[in-house]
Amino acid sequence: MWTPTLSNANSRSSMTDLSLTISTESVNDAQAIERLHERTFGPGRYVLSAYRLREQIEHILDLSFTARIGTLLVGSVRLLPICIGDTPALLLGPLTVEPPFRGRGIAKALIERALKGAKAKGHRLVVLVGDEPYYGRAGFKQIPKGAVSMPGPVDPARLLACELQSGAADGIKGAIRPDWATAS
């Protein structure tokens, strides 16, 4: 468990200081996380390429994390086992934070905790679909155009990878698919 303190930069009062707790997701969190996804992404989330993968294989519970302020769930991130061609990797997402709590470093804390946990468990590579200016701050870089494909349409400029070990993304090529061997 990790507990940073978040402050409202616009306020001088210590009453607005928030204590954030990042914890490993538990099976009891599933319903609250699903409701969070409904509120933040809406029903259109099911047509996204990344959700097509999520429908085929479960995320790794001990590499997925929640963010809470007190008992209130305010954020979540999940990691899913995938392969890119023959290269094992993890897919980061969904990553979400309740709108009133955005801009306070919660997403950054969740990403950092997920990457740290993945590296500690020996994973070498994490990929996601997202904006490089945002995720680049966490070490994600664009995958060369045409090297990797998703099960459905995705803007190639939004396919990003973060090496947890130097050279882990060298030469990655192929379709992203569930990694059934890691899941079992």
N, C-alpha and C. Protein backbone atom coordinates (compact mmCIF):
# COMPACT_ATOMS: atom_id res chain seq x y z
N MET A 1 0.84 -1.17 0.00
CA MET A 1 0.00 0.00 0.00
C MET A 1 0.89 1.23 0.00
N TRP A 2 0.50 2.22 -0.81
CA TRP A 2 1.26 3.45 -0.96
C TRP A 2 0.33 4.60 -0.64
N THR A 3 0.75 5.57 0.14
CA THR A 3 -0.13 6.64 0.56
C THR A 3 0.52 8.01 0.38
N PRO A 4 0.42 8.61 -0.82
CA PRO A 4 0.88 9.99 -0.99
C PRO A 4 -0.19 10.95 -0.49
N THR A 5 0.17 12.19 -0.31
CA THR A 5 -0.81 13.22 0.06
C THR A 5 -1.02 14.13 -1.13
N LEU A 6 -2.27 14.37 -1.44
CA LEU A 6 -2.63 15.25 -2.54
C LEU A 6 -3.19 16.53 -1.95
N SER A 7 -2.81 17.66 -2.52
CA SER A 7 -3.31 18.94 -2.04
C SER A 7 -3.97 19.68 -3.18
N ASN A 8 -4.95 20.47 -2.85
CA ASN A 8 -5.57 21.35 -3.82
C ASN A 8 -4.67 22.57 -3.93
N ALA A 9 -4.04 22.74 -5.08
CA ALA A 9 -3.06 23.81 -5.27
C ALA A 9 -3.69 25.19 -5.13
N ASN A 10 -5.01 25.29 -5.33
CA ASN A 10 -5.68 26.58 -5.27
C ASN A 10 -6.11 26.96 -3.85
N SER A 11 -5.87 26.10 -2.89
CA SER A 11 -6.35 26.35 -1.54
C SER A 11 -5.20 26.44 -0.56
N ARG A 12 -5.33 27.31 0.43
CA ARG A 12 -4.30 27.45 1.46
C ARG A 12 -4.68 26.65 2.71
N SER A 13 -5.86 26.13 2.75
CA SER A 13 -6.35 25.43 3.93
C SER A 13 -5.90 23.98 3.95
N SER A 14 -5.46 23.51 5.11
CA SER A 14 -5.07 22.11 5.23
C SER A 14 -6.29 21.21 5.19
N MET A 15 -7.49 21.77 5.27
CA MET A 15 -8.72 20.98 5.20
C MET A 15 -8.90 20.35 3.82
N THR A 16 -8.21 20.85 2.80
CA THR A 16 -8.37 20.30 1.46
C THR A 16 -7.29 19.26 1.15
N ASP A 17 -6.38 18.99 2.08
CA ASP A 17 -5.39 17.95 1.85
C ASP A 17 -6.09 16.60 1.80
N LEU A 18 -5.70 15.79 0.85
CA LEU A 18 -6.33 14.49 0.67
C LEU A 18 -5.28 13.40 0.83
N SER A 19 -5.64 12.37 1.53
CA SER A 19 -4.74 11.23 1.68
C SER A 19 -5.16 10.16 0.69
N LEU A 20 -4.29 9.85 -0.24
CA LEU A 20 -4.55 8.87 -1.29
C LEU A 20 -3.88 7.56 -0.93
N THR A 21 -4.61 6.47 -1.10
CA THR A 21 -4.05 5.14 -0.88
C THR A 21 -4.12 4.35 -2.17
N ILE A 22 -2.97 3.85 -2.63
CA ILE A 22 -2.89 2.97 -3.80
C ILE A 22 -2.74 1.55 -3.27
N SER A 23 -3.67 0.67 -3.65
CA SER A 23 -3.65 -0.72 -3.18
C SER A 23 -3.82 -1.67 -4.35
N THR A 24 -3.37 -2.89 -4.15
CA THR A 24 -3.60 -3.94 -5.14
C THR A 24 -5.10 -4.19 -5.23
N GLU A 25 -5.60 -4.32 -6.44
CA GLU A 25 -7.02 -4.59 -6.64
C GLU A 25 -7.38 -5.94 -6.02
N SER A 26 -8.56 -6.00 -5.43
CA SER A 26 -9.06 -7.28 -4.90
C SER A 26 -10.31 -7.67 -5.69
N VAL A 27 -10.71 -8.93 -5.56
CA VAL A 27 -11.91 -9.39 -6.26
C VAL A 27 -13.14 -8.60 -5.81
N ASN A 28 -13.12 -8.08 -4.61
CA ASN A 28 -14.24 -7.30 -4.10
C ASN A 28 -14.35 -5.92 -4.74
N ASP A 29 -13.33 -5.50 -5.48
CA ASP A 29 -13.33 -4.18 -6.13
C ASP A 29 -14.02 -4.19 -7.49
N ALA A 30 -14.29 -5.36 -8.04
CA ALA A 30 -14.74 -5.48 -9.44
C ALA A 30 -15.98 -4.64 -9.74
N GLN A 31 -16.99 -4.72 -8.91
CA GLN A 31 -18.24 -4.00 -9.19
C GLN A 31 -18.03 -2.48 -9.12
N ALA A 32 -17.30 -2.01 -8.13
CA ALA A 32 -17.05 -0.56 -8.01
C ALA A 32 -16.22 -0.06 -9.19
N ILE A 33 -15.25 -0.87 -9.65
CA ILE A 33 -14.43 -0.47 -10.80
C ILE A 33 -15.27 -0.45 -12.06
N GLU A 34 -16.15 -1.41 -12.23
CA GLU A 34 -17.02 -1.42 -13.41
C GLU A 34 -17.91 -0.17 -13.43
N ARG A 35 -18.45 0.21 -12.28
CA ARG A 35 -19.27 1.43 -12.22
C ARG A 35 -18.42 2.67 -12.54
N LEU A 36 -17.17 2.69 -12.08
CA LEU A 36 -16.26 3.79 -12.40
C LEU A 36 -16.03 3.85 -13.91
N HIS A 37 -15.81 2.71 -14.54
CA HIS A 37 -15.62 2.68 -16.00
C HIS A 37 -16.89 3.17 -16.72
N GLU A 38 -18.06 2.78 -16.24
CA GLU A 38 -19.31 3.23 -16.85
C GLU A 38 -19.42 4.76 -16.79
N ARG A 39 -19.07 5.33 -15.63
CA ARG A 39 -19.18 6.79 -15.46
C ARG A 39 -18.15 7.54 -16.31
N THR A 40 -16.94 7.02 -16.39
CA THR A 40 -15.88 7.79 -17.03
C THR A 40 -15.74 7.51 -18.53
N PHE A 41 -16.07 6.29 -18.98
CA PHE A 41 -15.90 5.96 -20.40
C PHE A 41 -17.21 5.81 -21.15
N GLY A 42 -18.29 5.50 -20.47
CA GLY A 42 -19.58 5.32 -21.11
C GLY A 42 -19.67 4.02 -21.90
N PRO A 43 -20.81 3.80 -22.55
CA PRO A 43 -21.02 2.54 -23.26
C PRO A 43 -20.15 2.38 -24.51
N GLY A 44 -19.63 3.48 -25.05
CA GLY A 44 -18.80 3.41 -26.24
C GLY A 44 -17.48 2.69 -26.03
N ARG A 45 -17.12 2.44 -24.78
CA ARG A 45 -15.83 1.79 -24.48
C ARG A 45 -15.75 0.39 -25.07
N TYR A 46 -16.89 -0.26 -25.24
CA TYR A 46 -16.87 -1.65 -25.70
C TYR A 46 -16.47 -1.81 -27.16
N VAL A 47 -16.48 -0.75 -27.94
CA VAL A 47 -16.09 -0.86 -29.35
C VAL A 47 -14.59 -0.63 -29.55
N LEU A 48 -13.90 -0.20 -28.51
CA LEU A 48 -12.47 0.07 -28.63
C LEU A 48 -11.67 -1.22 -28.77
N SER A 49 -10.59 -1.17 -29.53
CA SER A 49 -9.75 -2.35 -29.76
C SER A 49 -9.24 -2.96 -28.47
N ALA A 50 -8.83 -2.13 -27.52
CA ALA A 50 -8.30 -2.66 -26.26
C ALA A 50 -9.37 -3.45 -25.51
N TYR A 51 -10.64 -3.03 -25.61
CA TYR A 51 -11.71 -3.78 -24.94
C TYR A 51 -11.94 -5.13 -25.60
N ARG A 52 -11.65 -5.24 -26.87
CA ARG A 52 -11.77 -6.55 -27.53
C ARG A 52 -10.82 -7.55 -26.90
N LEU A 53 -9.63 -7.11 -26.53
CA LEU A 53 -8.69 -7.98 -25.82
C LEU A 53 -9.20 -8.28 -24.42
N ARG A 54 -9.72 -7.26 -23.74
CA ARG A 54 -10.18 -7.44 -22.36
C ARG A 54 -11.36 -8.40 -22.27
N GLU A 55 -12.13 -8.52 -23.35
CA GLU A 55 -13.24 -9.47 -23.36
C GLU A 55 -12.75 -10.91 -23.47
N GLN A 56 -11.51 -11.11 -23.92
CA GLN A 56 -10.99 -12.45 -24.15
C GLN A 56 -10.18 -13.01 -22.99
N ILE A 57 -9.63 -12.14 -22.15
CA ILE A 57 -8.75 -12.60 -21.09
C ILE A 57 -8.84 -11.65 -19.89
N GLU A 58 -8.74 -12.21 -18.71
CA GLU A 58 -8.83 -11.41 -17.49
C GLU A 58 -7.53 -10.65 -17.23
N HIS A 59 -7.66 -9.52 -16.57
CA HIS A 59 -6.48 -8.75 -16.15
C HIS A 59 -5.78 -9.51 -15.02
N ILE A 60 -4.55 -9.13 -14.75
CA ILE A 60 -3.76 -9.76 -13.69
C ILE A 60 -4.08 -9.01 -12.40
N LEU A 61 -4.78 -9.66 -11.51
CA LEU A 61 -5.28 -9.01 -10.30
C LEU A 61 -4.16 -8.40 -9.46
N ASP A 62 -3.05 -9.14 -9.28
CA ASP A 62 -1.99 -8.60 -8.41
C ASP A 62 -1.11 -7.57 -9.11
N LEU A 63 -1.42 -7.24 -10.36
CA LEU A 63 -0.73 -6.15 -11.07
C LEU A 63 -1.72 -5.06 -11.48
N SER A 64 -2.88 -5.06 -10.83
CA SER A 64 -3.89 -4.05 -11.07
C SER A 64 -4.12 -3.33 -9.74
N PHE A 65 -4.39 -2.02 -9.82
CA PHE A 65 -4.38 -1.21 -8.61
C PHE A 65 -5.56 -0.26 -8.55
N THR A 66 -5.94 0.07 -7.32
CA THR A 66 -7.00 1.03 -7.08
C THR A 66 -6.43 2.22 -6.32
N ALA A 67 -7.09 3.35 -6.48
CA ALA A 67 -6.76 4.56 -5.73
C ALA A 67 -7.99 4.94 -4.93
N ARG A 68 -7.78 5.17 -3.65
CA ARG A 68 -8.88 5.56 -2.77
C ARG A 68 -8.49 6.78 -1.95
N ILE A 69 -9.50 7.60 -1.72
CA ILE A 69 -9.38 8.67 -0.74
C ILE A 69 -10.37 8.27 0.35
N GLY A 70 -9.83 7.90 1.48
CA GLY A 70 -10.65 7.29 2.52
C GLY A 70 -11.16 5.97 1.98
N THR A 71 -12.47 5.78 1.99
CA THR A 71 -13.05 4.55 1.43
C THR A 71 -13.59 4.75 0.02
N LEU A 72 -13.48 5.97 -0.50
CA LEU A 72 -14.01 6.29 -1.83
C LEU A 72 -13.04 5.88 -2.93
N LEU A 73 -13.49 5.00 -3.82
CA LEU A 73 -12.69 4.61 -4.98
C LEU A 73 -12.67 5.78 -5.95
N VAL A 74 -11.46 6.30 -6.25
CA VAL A 74 -11.35 7.45 -7.15
C VAL A 74 -10.55 7.13 -8.42
N GLY A 75 -9.94 5.94 -8.48
CA GLY A 75 -9.16 5.59 -9.66
C GLY A 75 -8.83 4.12 -9.71
N SER A 76 -8.46 3.68 -10.93
CA SER A 76 -8.13 2.28 -11.14
C SER A 76 -7.24 2.15 -12.37
N VAL A 77 -6.35 1.17 -12.32
CA VAL A 77 -5.56 0.80 -13.48
C VAL A 77 -5.42 -0.72 -13.48
N ARG A 78 -5.45 -1.30 -14.67
CA ARG A 78 -5.33 -2.75 -14.80
C ARG A 78 -4.25 -3.09 -15.82
N LEU A 79 -3.63 -4.25 -15.63
CA LEU A 79 -2.66 -4.79 -16.57
C LEU A 79 -3.17 -6.16 -17.03
N LEU A 80 -3.06 -6.39 -18.32
CA LEU A 80 -3.58 -7.58 -18.98
C LEU A 80 -2.44 -8.31 -19.68
N PRO A 81 -2.34 -9.64 -19.57
CA PRO A 81 -1.26 -10.35 -20.25
C PRO A 81 -1.52 -10.48 -21.75
N ILE A 82 -0.56 -10.04 -22.54
CA ILE A 82 -0.68 -10.11 -24.01
C ILE A 82 0.62 -10.63 -24.60
N CYS A 83 0.56 -10.93 -25.88
CA CYS A 83 1.75 -11.19 -26.69
C CYS A 83 1.68 -10.29 -27.90
N ILE A 84 2.84 -9.83 -28.32
CA ILE A 84 2.96 -9.09 -29.57
C ILE A 84 3.77 -10.01 -30.46
N GLY A 85 3.10 -10.69 -31.39
CA GLY A 85 3.77 -11.77 -32.10
C GLY A 85 4.12 -12.83 -31.08
N ASP A 86 5.42 -13.08 -30.91
CA ASP A 86 5.88 -14.06 -29.91
C ASP A 86 6.43 -13.39 -28.64
N THR A 87 6.36 -12.08 -28.57
CA THR A 87 6.93 -11.35 -27.44
C THR A 87 5.89 -11.15 -26.34
N PRO A 88 6.13 -11.69 -25.14
CA PRO A 88 5.20 -11.45 -24.04
C PRO A 88 5.27 -9.99 -23.58
N ALA A 89 4.12 -9.45 -23.21
CA ALA A 89 4.04 -8.07 -22.75
C ALA A 89 2.79 -7.93 -21.89
N LEU A 90 2.57 -6.74 -21.41
CA LEU A 90 1.36 -6.40 -20.67
C LEU A 90 0.67 -5.23 -21.37
N LEU A 91 -0.65 -5.22 -21.33
CA LEU A 91 -1.42 -4.10 -21.84
C LEU A 91 -1.92 -3.31 -20.65
N LEU A 92 -1.59 -2.02 -20.58
CA LEU A 92 -2.03 -1.15 -19.50
C LEU A 92 -3.37 -0.55 -19.87
N GLY A 93 -4.32 -0.71 -18.98
CA GLY A 93 -5.62 -0.09 -19.17
C GLY A 93 -6.75 -1.06 -18.87
N PRO A 94 -7.88 -0.53 -18.62
CA PRO A 94 -8.14 0.89 -18.59
C PRO A 94 -7.53 1.57 -17.36
N LEU A 95 -7.17 2.80 -17.57
CA LEU A 95 -6.72 3.70 -16.51
C LEU A 95 -7.79 4.77 -16.40
N THR A 96 -8.33 4.94 -15.23
CA THR A 96 -9.36 5.96 -15.06
C THR A 96 -9.33 6.58 -13.67
N VAL A 97 -9.72 7.84 -13.64
CA VAL A 97 -9.83 8.59 -12.39
C VAL A 97 -11.16 9.35 -12.44
N GLU A 98 -11.87 9.34 -11.32
CA GLU A 98 -13.13 10.10 -11.23
C GLU A 98 -12.86 11.54 -11.64
N PRO A 99 -13.70 12.12 -12.51
CA PRO A 99 -13.47 13.48 -12.99
C PRO A 99 -13.18 14.53 -11.92
N PRO A 100 -13.88 14.56 -10.78
CA PRO A 100 -13.56 15.61 -9.80
C PRO A 100 -12.16 15.50 -9.20
N PHE A 101 -11.52 14.34 -9.37
CA PHE A 101 -10.21 14.12 -8.77
C PHE A 101 -9.07 14.15 -9.79
N ARG A 102 -9.39 14.46 -11.02
CA ARG A 102 -8.35 14.54 -12.06
C ARG A 102 -7.47 15.76 -11.84
N GLY A 103 -6.24 15.67 -12.36
CA GLY A 103 -5.32 16.79 -12.23
C GLY A 103 -4.62 16.86 -10.89
N ARG A 104 -4.73 15.81 -10.10
CA ARG A 104 -4.11 15.79 -8.77
C ARG A 104 -3.01 14.73 -8.66
N GLY A 105 -2.62 14.13 -9.79
CA GLY A 105 -1.53 13.16 -9.78
C GLY A 105 -1.96 11.73 -9.50
N ILE A 106 -3.26 11.46 -9.45
CA ILE A 106 -3.73 10.11 -9.15
C ILE A 106 -3.41 9.16 -10.29
N ALA A 107 -3.67 9.55 -11.52
CA ALA A 107 -3.36 8.69 -12.67
C ALA A 107 -1.86 8.40 -12.73
N LYS A 108 -1.06 9.42 -12.51
CA LYS A 108 0.40 9.24 -12.51
C LYS A 108 0.81 8.24 -11.44
N ALA A 109 0.25 8.35 -10.25
CA ALA A 109 0.57 7.43 -9.16
C ALA A 109 0.16 6.00 -9.50
N LEU A 110 -0.99 5.84 -10.13
CA LEU A 110 -1.45 4.51 -10.54
C LEU A 110 -0.53 3.90 -11.59
N ILE A 111 -0.15 4.71 -12.59
CA ILE A 111 0.76 4.22 -13.64
C ILE A 111 2.10 3.81 -13.03
N GLU A 112 2.66 4.67 -12.21
CA GLU A 112 3.96 4.36 -11.59
C GLU A 112 3.89 3.07 -10.77
N ARG A 113 2.80 2.90 -10.02
CA ARG A 113 2.67 1.70 -9.19
C ARG A 113 2.52 0.45 -10.06
N ALA A 114 1.77 0.55 -11.15
CA ALA A 114 1.58 -0.58 -12.05
C ALA A 114 2.90 -0.96 -12.72
N LEU A 115 3.65 0.03 -13.20
CA LEU A 115 4.93 -0.26 -13.86
C LEU A 115 5.93 -0.84 -12.87
N LYS A 116 5.97 -0.30 -11.67
CA LYS A 116 6.88 -0.80 -10.63
C LYS A 116 6.53 -2.25 -10.29
N GLY A 117 5.26 -2.55 -10.14
CA GLY A 117 4.82 -3.91 -9.83
C GLY A 117 5.14 -4.88 -10.95
N ALA A 118 4.93 -4.45 -12.19
CA ALA A 118 5.22 -5.31 -13.34
C ALA A 118 6.71 -5.61 -13.43
N LYS A 119 7.53 -4.59 -13.25
CA LYS A 119 8.99 -4.78 -13.30
C LYS A 119 9.44 -5.72 -12.18
N ALA A 120 8.90 -5.55 -10.98
CA ALA A 120 9.28 -6.40 -9.85
C ALA A 120 8.93 -7.86 -10.09
N LYS A 121 7.91 -8.11 -10.90
CA LYS A 121 7.50 -9.49 -11.19
C LYS A 121 8.18 -10.03 -12.46
N GLY A 122 9.15 -9.28 -12.98
CA GLY A 122 9.94 -9.78 -14.10
C GLY A 122 9.40 -9.49 -15.48
N HIS A 123 8.35 -8.69 -15.58
CA HIS A 123 7.84 -8.34 -16.90
C HIS A 123 8.78 -7.32 -17.54
N ARG A 124 8.88 -7.38 -18.86
CA ARG A 124 9.85 -6.57 -19.57
C ARG A 124 9.25 -5.42 -20.36
N LEU A 125 7.97 -5.54 -20.74
CA LEU A 125 7.39 -4.59 -21.68
C LEU A 125 5.91 -4.36 -21.36
N VAL A 126 5.50 -3.08 -21.41
CA VAL A 126 4.10 -2.71 -21.22
C VAL A 126 3.69 -1.84 -22.41
N VAL A 127 2.52 -2.13 -22.98
CA VAL A 127 2.01 -1.33 -24.09
C VAL A 127 0.64 -0.77 -23.72
N LEU A 128 0.24 0.26 -24.44
CA LEU A 128 -1.09 0.84 -24.25
C LEU A 128 -1.48 1.59 -25.50
N VAL A 129 -2.75 1.96 -25.54
CA VAL A 129 -3.27 2.83 -26.58
C VAL A 129 -3.57 4.15 -25.89
N GLY A 130 -2.85 5.21 -26.28
CA GLY A 130 -3.03 6.50 -25.63
C GLY A 130 -2.23 7.60 -26.29
N ASP A 131 -2.26 8.76 -25.67
CA ASP A 131 -1.58 9.94 -26.20
C ASP A 131 -0.14 10.00 -25.70
N GLU A 132 0.81 10.04 -26.63
CA GLU A 132 2.22 10.07 -26.25
C GLU A 132 2.59 11.29 -25.40
N PRO A 133 2.06 12.49 -25.66
CA PRO A 133 2.44 13.61 -24.79
C PRO A 133 2.11 13.34 -23.31
N TYR A 134 1.01 12.65 -23.05
CA TYR A 134 0.62 12.34 -21.67
C TYR A 134 1.43 11.15 -21.12
N TYR A 135 1.39 10.03 -21.81
CA TYR A 135 2.03 8.81 -21.31
C TYR A 135 3.55 8.82 -21.48
N GLY A 136 4.06 9.70 -22.33
CA GLY A 136 5.50 9.82 -22.49
C GLY A 136 6.20 10.20 -21.20
N ARG A 137 5.51 10.93 -20.34
CA ARG A 137 6.08 11.32 -19.04
C ARG A 137 6.36 10.11 -18.16
N ALA A 138 5.68 8.99 -18.44
CA ALA A 138 5.89 7.75 -17.68
C ALA A 138 6.84 6.80 -18.42
N GLY A 139 7.40 7.25 -19.54
CA GLY A 139 8.36 6.43 -20.26
C GLY A 139 7.82 5.71 -21.48
N PHE A 140 6.58 5.97 -21.87
CA PHE A 140 6.00 5.32 -23.05
C PHE A 140 6.42 6.06 -24.31
N LYS A 141 6.72 5.28 -25.35
CA LYS A 141 7.12 5.84 -26.64
C LYS A 141 6.32 5.17 -27.74
N GLN A 142 6.14 5.89 -28.83
CA GLN A 142 5.38 5.35 -29.95
C GLN A 142 6.08 4.13 -30.54
N ILE A 143 5.28 3.09 -30.80
CA ILE A 143 5.78 1.90 -31.48
C ILE A 143 5.87 2.24 -32.96
N PRO A 144 6.95 1.84 -33.64
CA PRO A 144 7.06 2.17 -35.07
C PRO A 144 5.81 1.76 -35.86
N LYS A 145 5.34 2.68 -36.68
CA LYS A 145 4.12 2.47 -37.47
C LYS A 145 4.23 1.19 -38.29
N GLY A 146 3.18 0.37 -38.21
CA GLY A 146 3.12 -0.86 -38.98
C GLY A 146 3.74 -2.07 -38.31
N ALA A 147 4.45 -1.87 -37.21
CA ALA A 147 5.11 -3.00 -36.55
C ALA A 147 4.13 -3.85 -35.75
N VAL A 148 3.10 -3.23 -35.21
CA VAL A 148 2.18 -3.90 -34.31
C VAL A 148 0.75 -3.61 -34.74
N SER A 149 -0.13 -4.60 -34.59
CA SER A 149 -1.54 -4.39 -34.91
C SER A 149 -2.40 -4.85 -33.73
N MET A 150 -3.57 -4.24 -33.64
CA MET A 150 -4.54 -4.56 -32.60
C MET A 150 -5.71 -5.30 -33.25
N PRO A 151 -6.52 -6.00 -32.44
CA PRO A 151 -7.71 -6.68 -32.99
C PRO A 151 -8.85 -5.69 -33.24
N GLY A 152 -8.67 -4.86 -34.20
CA GLY A 152 -9.64 -3.82 -34.51
C GLY A 152 -8.90 -2.55 -34.86
N PRO A 153 -9.63 -1.54 -35.32
CA PRO A 153 -8.97 -0.32 -35.74
C PRO A 153 -8.39 0.46 -34.57
N VAL A 154 -7.20 0.98 -34.77
CA VAL A 154 -6.56 1.85 -33.79
C VAL A 154 -5.59 2.76 -34.53
N ASP A 155 -5.50 3.99 -34.11
CA ASP A 155 -4.56 4.94 -34.70
C ASP A 155 -3.15 4.48 -34.33
N PRO A 156 -2.30 4.15 -35.32
CA PRO A 156 -0.95 3.65 -35.02
C PRO A 156 -0.12 4.62 -34.18
N ALA A 157 -0.39 5.91 -34.27
CA ALA A 157 0.35 6.89 -33.47
C ALA A 157 0.03 6.77 -31.98
N ARG A 158 -1.06 6.08 -31.65
CA ARG A 158 -1.47 5.92 -30.25
C ARG A 158 -1.01 4.60 -29.64
N LEU A 159 -0.33 3.77 -30.42
CA LEU A 159 0.23 2.52 -29.88
C LEU A 159 1.58 2.84 -29.26
N LEU A 160 1.65 2.73 -27.95
CA LEU A 160 2.84 3.12 -27.19
C LEU A 160 3.38 1.96 -26.40
N ALA A 161 4.70 1.98 -26.15
CA ALA A 161 5.34 0.93 -25.36
C ALA A 161 6.28 1.55 -24.33
N CYS A 162 6.39 0.88 -23.20
CA CYS A 162 7.33 1.27 -22.15
C CYS A 162 8.18 0.06 -21.82
N GLU A 163 9.49 0.21 -22.02
CA GLU A 163 10.42 -0.87 -21.71
C GLU A 163 10.71 -0.87 -20.21
N LEU A 164 10.47 -2.00 -19.57
CA LEU A 164 10.83 -2.16 -18.17
C LEU A 164 12.24 -2.71 -18.05
N GLN A 165 12.73 -3.27 -19.16
CA GLN A 165 14.13 -3.69 -19.31
C GLN A 165 14.61 -3.12 -20.63
N SER A 166 15.81 -2.58 -20.62
CA SER A 166 16.36 -1.98 -21.81
C SER A 166 16.35 -2.96 -22.98
N GLY A 167 15.87 -2.51 -24.13
CA GLY A 167 15.84 -3.33 -25.33
C GLY A 167 14.64 -4.24 -25.46
N ALA A 168 13.72 -4.20 -24.51
CA ALA A 168 12.57 -5.11 -24.53
C ALA A 168 11.66 -4.88 -25.74
N ALA A 169 11.65 -3.68 -26.27
CA ALA A 169 10.78 -3.38 -27.42
C ALA A 169 11.51 -3.52 -28.76
N ASP A 170 12.80 -3.81 -28.70
CA ASP A 170 13.56 -3.94 -29.95
C ASP A 170 12.97 -5.04 -30.83
N GLY A 171 12.59 -4.66 -32.02
CA GLY A 171 12.12 -5.63 -33.00
C GLY A 171 10.74 -6.20 -32.75
N ILE A 172 9.95 -5.62 -31.84
CA ILE A 172 8.61 -6.18 -31.65
C ILE A 172 7.83 -6.02 -32.94
N LYS A 173 7.10 -7.07 -33.25
CA LYS A 173 6.36 -7.08 -34.51
C LYS A 173 5.25 -8.11 -34.42
N GLY A 174 4.10 -7.75 -34.96
CA GLY A 174 3.01 -8.71 -35.05
C GLY A 174 1.73 -8.22 -34.42
N ALA A 175 0.78 -9.12 -34.36
CA ALA A 175 -0.53 -8.82 -33.81
C ALA A 175 -0.51 -8.93 -32.29
N ILE A 176 -1.19 -8.01 -31.64
CA ILE A 176 -1.38 -8.11 -30.19
C ILE A 176 -2.54 -9.06 -29.95
N ARG A 177 -2.29 -10.03 -29.06
CA ARG A 177 -3.30 -11.04 -28.74
C ARG A 177 -3.18 -11.40 -27.26
N PRO A 178 -4.19 -12.02 -26.70
CA PRO A 178 -4.09 -12.45 -25.30
C PRO A 178 -2.94 -13.45 -25.12
N ASP A 179 -2.28 -13.38 -23.98
CA ASP A 179 -1.22 -14.33 -23.65
C ASP A 179 -1.82 -15.38 -22.71
N TRP A 180 -2.33 -16.43 -23.31
CA TRP A 180 -3.01 -17.48 -22.53
C TRP A 180 -2.03 -18.20 -21.61
N ALA A 181 -0.77 -18.32 -21.98
CA ALA A 181 0.20 -19.04 -21.15
C ALA A 181 0.43 -18.31 -19.84
N THR A 182 0.52 -16.99 -19.88
CA THR A 182 0.73 -16.20 -18.67
C THR A 182 -0.52 -16.18 -17.81
N ALA A 183 -1.68 -16.23 -18.45
CA ALA A 183 -2.94 -16.14 -17.72
C ALA A 183 -3.23 -17.39 -16.89
N SER A 184 -2.70 -18.53 -17.29
CA SER A 184 -3.05 -19.75 -16.56
C SER A 184 -2.21 -19.99 -15.36
